[in-house]
């Protein structure tokens, strides 16, 4: 949703005030796929410019050596962060035990069914967003 707004505080504003079901479903069914498609085009273009252009300019052999060095460096960083995270997770699990939550999130089918009912009745109910640690009942 924040992709369409100039202000980056939109998420906290919607969590606090909520929105109506019709606007929520329009965002989910129309705006979100458009944003995903445009982001995919940007990422594919960036990937093509990182692969096709260097091969064209420098040749495949030099590109392969450079790519191998970059992949090796990235794998070293990822494995180091994985080892560090697993070590800190073990330390945290010794201290804290996980807490069970008793609230259930609404399913996609249930939300779509409520949307169809609301469109038929021409009344869009309010939707509130509740964080997991809040004990308020979700509606």
C-alpha atoms as a PDB file:
ATOM      1  CA  UNK A   1       0.000   0.000   0.000  1.00  0.00           C
ATOM      2  CA  UNK A   2       2.876   2.330   0.740  1.00  0.00           C
ATOM      3  CA  UNK A   3       4.025   2.070  -2.884  1.00  0.00           C
ATOM      4  CA  UNK A   4       1.230   4.476  -3.895  1.00  0.00           C
ATOM      5  CA  UNK A   5       1.672   7.093  -1.172  1.00  0.00           C
ATOM      6  CA  UNK A   6       4.275   9.797  -0.726  1.00  0.00           C
ATOM      7  CA  UNK A   7       4.184   9.383   3.039  1.00  0.00           C
ATOM      8  CA  UNK A   8       5.827   6.289   4.524  1.00  0.00           C
ATOM      9  CA  UNK A   9       3.709   6.407   7.682  1.00  0.00           C
ATOM     10  CA  UNK A  10       0.699   4.901   5.899  1.00  0.00           C
ATOM     11  CA  UNK A  11       1.014   1.456   7.500  1.00  0.00           C
ATOM     12  CA  UNK A  12       0.939   2.742  11.062  1.00  0.00           C
ATOM     13  CA  UNK A  13      -1.941   5.070  10.171  1.00  0.00           C
ATOM     14  CA  UNK A  14      -3.999   2.186   8.722  1.00  0.00           C
ATOM     15  CA  UNK A  15      -3.163  -0.058  11.674  1.00  0.00           C
ATOM     16  CA  UNK A  16      -4.413   2.599  14.058  1.00  0.00           C
ATOM     17  CA  UNK A  17      -7.507   3.838  12.176  1.00  0.00           C
ATOM     18  CA  UNK A  18      -8.346   0.823  10.004  1.00  0.00           C
ATOM     19  CA  UNK A  19      -9.959   0.961   6.577  1.00  0.00           C
ATOM     20  CA  UNK A  20     -13.093  -0.376   4.942  1.00  0.00           C
ATOM     21  CA  UNK A  21     -13.378  -3.812   3.369  1.00  0.00           C
ATOM     22  CA  UNK A  22     -13.953  -2.536  -0.183  1.00  0.00           C
ATOM     23  CA  UNK A  23     -10.802  -0.413  -0.209  1.00  0.00           C
ATOM     24  CA  UNK A  24      -8.851  -3.283   1.349  1.00  0.00           C
ATOM     25  CA  UNK A  25      -9.975  -5.738  -1.348  1.00  0.00           C
ATOM     26  CA  UNK A  26      -9.272  -3.221  -4.145  1.00  0.00           C
ATOM     27  CA  UNK A  27      -5.750  -2.899  -2.811  1.00  0.00           C
ATOM     28  CA  UNK A  28      -5.306  -6.670  -2.522  1.00  0.00           C
ATOM     29  CA  UNK A  29      -6.844  -7.650  -5.874  1.00  0.00           C
ATOM     30  CA  UNK A  30      -5.861  -4.772  -8.181  1.00  0.00           C
ATOM     31  CA  UNK A  31      -3.165  -2.512  -6.780  1.00  0.00           C
ATOM     32  CA  UNK A  32      -0.927  -5.201  -5.263  1.00  0.00           C
ATOM     33  CA  UNK A  33      -0.640  -7.279  -8.496  1.00  0.00           C
ATOM     34  CA  UNK A  34       0.165  -4.094 -10.432  1.00  0.00           C
ATOM     35  CA  UNK A  35       2.913  -3.188  -7.973  1.00  0.00           C
ATOM     36  CA  UNK A  36       4.288  -6.742  -8.086  1.00  0.00           C
ATOM     37  CA  UNK A  37       4.312  -6.711 -11.906  1.00  0.00           C
ATOM     38  CA  UNK A  38       6.097  -3.369 -12.090  1.00  0.00           C
ATOM     39  CA  UNK A  39       8.624  -4.440  -9.458  1.00  0.00           C
ATOM     40  CA  UNK A  40       9.254  -7.664 -11.384  1.00  0.00           C
ATOM     41  CA  UNK A  41       9.924  -5.652 -14.561  1.00  0.00           C
ATOM     42  CA  UNK A  42      12.424  -3.454 -12.706  1.00  0.00           C
ATOM     43  CA  UNK A  43      14.222  -6.438 -11.146  1.00  0.00           C
ATOM     44  CA  UNK A  44      14.360  -8.354 -14.438  1.00  0.00           C
ATOM     45  CA  UNK A  45      15.771  -5.279 -16.179  1.00  0.00           C
ATOM     46  CA  UNK A  46      18.384  -4.858 -13.445  1.00  0.00           C
ATOM     47  CA  UNK A  47      19.333  -8.534 -13.657  1.00  0.00           C
ATOM     48  CA  UNK A  48      19.625  -8.330 -17.430  1.00  0.00           C
ATOM     49  CA  UNK A  49      21.845  -5.257 -17.157  1.00  0.00           C
ATOM     50  CA  UNK A  50      24.081  -7.130 -14.703  1.00  0.00           C
ATOM     51  CA  UNK A  51      24.402 -10.202 -16.909  1.00  0.00           C
ATOM     52  CA  UNK A  52      23.887  -9.385 -20.577  1.00  0.00           C
ATOM     53  CA  UNK A  53      25.735  -6.057 -20.718  1.00  0.00           C
ATOM     54  CA  UNK A  54      28.979  -7.207 -19.002  1.00  0.00           C
ATOM     55  CA  UNK A  55      29.144 -10.347 -21.156  1.00  0.00           C
ATOM     56  CA  UNK A  56      28.683  -8.205 -24.242  1.00  0.00           C
ATOM     57  CA  UNK A  57      31.355  -5.704 -23.157  1.00  0.00           C
ATOM     58  CA  UNK A  58      34.013  -7.940 -21.551  1.00  0.00           C
ATOM     59  CA  UNK A  59      33.377 -11.452 -22.794  1.00  0.00           C
ATOM     60  CA  UNK A  60      32.183 -14.548 -21.024  1.00  0.00           C
ATOM     61  CA  UNK A  61      35.545 -15.617 -19.543  1.00  0.00           C
ATOM     62  CA  UNK A  62      36.221 -12.407 -17.609  1.00  0.00           C
ATOM     63  CA  UNK A  63      32.567 -12.192 -16.602  1.00  0.00           C
ATOM     64  CA  UNK A  64      32.686 -15.778 -15.256  1.00  0.00           C
ATOM     65  CA  UNK A  65      35.776 -15.061 -13.134  1.00  0.00           C
ATOM     66  CA  UNK A  66      34.217 -11.888 -11.716  1.00  0.00           C
ATOM     67  CA  UNK A  67      30.911 -13.616 -11.089  1.00  0.00           C
ATOM     68  CA  UNK A  68      32.669 -16.498  -9.340  1.00  0.00           C
ATOM     69  CA  UNK A  69      34.463 -14.072  -7.037  1.00  0.00           C
ATOM     70  CA  UNK A  70      31.245 -12.241  -6.199  1.00  0.00           C
ATOM     71  CA  UNK A  71      29.318 -15.491  -5.592  1.00  0.00           C
ATOM     72  CA  UNK A  72      32.103 -16.778  -3.321  1.00  0.00           C
ATOM     73  CA  UNK A  73      32.081 -13.559  -1.308  1.00  0.00           C
ATOM     74  CA  UNK A  74      28.287 -13.598  -0.969  1.00  0.00           C
ATOM     75  CA  UNK A  75      28.285 -17.257   0.134  1.00  0.00           C
ATOM     76  CA  UNK A  76      30.917 -16.517   2.773  1.00  0.00           C
ATOM     77  CA  UNK A  77      28.869 -13.620   4.128  1.00  0.00           C
ATOM     78  CA  UNK A  78      25.639 -15.658   4.144  1.00  0.00           C
ATOM     79  CA  UNK A  79      27.246 -18.648   5.863  1.00  0.00           C
ATOM     80  CA  UNK A  80      28.842 -16.374   8.475  1.00  0.00           C
ATOM     81  CA  UNK A  81      25.543 -14.657   9.227  1.00  0.00           C
ATOM     82  CA  UNK A  82      23.767 -18.034   9.377  1.00  0.00           C
ATOM     83  CA  UNK A  83      26.278 -19.354  11.895  1.00  0.00           C
ATOM     84  CA  UNK A  84      26.005 -16.193  13.979  1.00  0.00           C
ATOM     85  CA  UNK A  85      22.168 -16.278  13.903  1.00  0.00           C
ATOM     86  CA  UNK A  86      22.027 -19.947  14.866  1.00  0.00           C
ATOM     87  CA  UNK A  87      24.406 -19.271  17.765  1.00  0.00           C
ATOM     88  CA  UNK A  88      22.327 -16.332  19.040  1.00  0.00           C
ATOM     89  CA  UNK A  89      19.068 -18.296  18.571  1.00  0.00           C
ATOM     90  CA  UNK A  90      20.394 -21.077  20.793  1.00  0.00           C
ATOM     91  CA  UNK A  91      21.285 -18.519  23.447  1.00  0.00           C
ATOM     92  CA  UNK A  92      17.820 -16.928  23.232  1.00  0.00           C
ATOM     93  CA  UNK A  93      15.985 -20.267  23.351  1.00  0.00           C
ATOM     94  CA  UNK A  94      17.754 -21.082  26.592  1.00  0.00           C
ATOM     95  CA  UNK A  95      16.389 -17.874  28.128  1.00  0.00           C
ATOM     96  CA  UNK A  96      12.872 -17.485  26.678  1.00  0.00           C
ATOM     97  CA  UNK A  97      10.217 -20.077  25.988  1.00  0.00           C
ATOM     98  CA  UNK A  98       7.797 -19.387  23.122  1.00  0.00           C
ATOM     99  CA  UNK A  99       4.335 -18.156  24.066  1.00  0.00           C
ATOM    100  CA  UNK A 100       1.211 -19.543  22.457  1.00  0.00           C
ATOM    101  CA  UNK A 101      -1.310 -17.116  20.998  1.00  0.00           C
ATOM    102  CA  UNK A 102      -5.004 -17.880  20.971  1.00  0.00           C
ATOM    103  CA  UNK A 103      -6.062 -15.532  18.178  1.00  0.00           C
ATOM    104  CA  UNK A 104      -6.636 -16.796  14.639  1.00  0.00           C
ATOM    105  CA  UNK A 105      -6.150 -14.742  11.513  1.00  0.00           C
ATOM    106  CA  UNK A 106      -9.024 -14.663   9.037  1.00  0.00           C
ATOM    107  CA  UNK A 107      -8.486 -16.785   5.958  1.00  0.00           C
ATOM    108  CA  UNK A 108      -8.420 -15.368   2.426  1.00  0.00           C
ATOM    109  CA  UNK A 109     -11.617 -17.228   1.495  1.00  0.00           C
ATOM    110  CA  UNK A 110     -13.416 -15.780   4.521  1.00  0.00           C
ATOM    111  CA  UNK A 111     -12.334 -12.238   3.653  1.00  0.00           C
ATOM    112  CA  UNK A 112     -13.403 -12.656   0.010  1.00  0.00           C
ATOM    113  CA  UNK A 113     -16.760 -14.081   1.118  1.00  0.00           C
ATOM    114  CA  UNK A 114     -17.325 -11.105   3.429  1.00  0.00           C
ATOM    115  CA  UNK A 115     -16.391  -8.791   0.546  1.00  0.00           C
ATOM    116  CA  UNK A 116     -18.948 -10.451  -1.765  1.00  0.00           C
ATOM    117  CA  UNK A 117     -21.612 -10.146   0.933  1.00  0.00           C
ATOM    118  CA  UNK A 118     -20.717  -6.490   1.528  1.00  0.00           C
ATOM    119  CA  UNK A 119     -20.886  -5.662  -2.183  1.00  0.00           C
ATOM    120  CA  UNK A 120     -24.285  -7.330  -2.436  1.00  0.00           C
ATOM    121  CA  UNK A 121     -25.602  -5.397   0.571  1.00  0.00           C
ATOM    122  CA  UNK A 122     -23.822  -2.223  -0.639  1.00  0.00           C
ATOM    123  CA  UNK A 123     -22.270  -1.717   2.801  1.00  0.00           C
ATOM    124  CA  UNK A 124     -18.524  -1.967   3.331  1.00  0.00           C
ATOM    125  CA  UNK A 125     -17.711  -2.779   6.961  1.00  0.00           C
ATOM    126  CA  UNK A 126     -14.637  -1.429   8.701  1.00  0.00           C
ATOM    127  CA  UNK A 127     -11.514  -3.536   8.871  1.00  0.00           C
ATOM    128  CA  UNK A 128      -9.151  -3.179  11.806  1.00  0.00           C
ATOM    129  CA  UNK A 129      -5.617  -4.533  11.944  1.00  0.00           C
ATOM    130  CA  UNK A 130      -4.443  -6.052  15.208  1.00  0.00           C
ATOM    131  CA  UNK A 131      -0.855  -6.913  16.031  1.00  0.00           C
ATOM    132  CA  UNK A 132      -0.167 -10.400  17.404  1.00  0.00           C
ATOM    133  CA  UNK A 133       0.847  -9.239  20.853  1.00  0.00           C
ATOM    134  CA  UNK A 134      -2.443  -7.355  21.315  1.00  0.00           C
ATOM    135  CA  UNK A 135      -5.181  -9.390  23.022  1.00  0.00           C
ATOM    136  CA  UNK A 136      -7.976  -7.494  21.254  1.00  0.00           C
ATOM    137  CA  UNK A 137     -10.428  -9.628  19.283  1.00  0.00           C
ATOM    138  CA  UNK A 138      -9.861  -9.520  15.538  1.00  0.00           C
ATOM    139  CA  UNK A 139     -12.823  -8.714  13.335  1.00  0.00           C
END
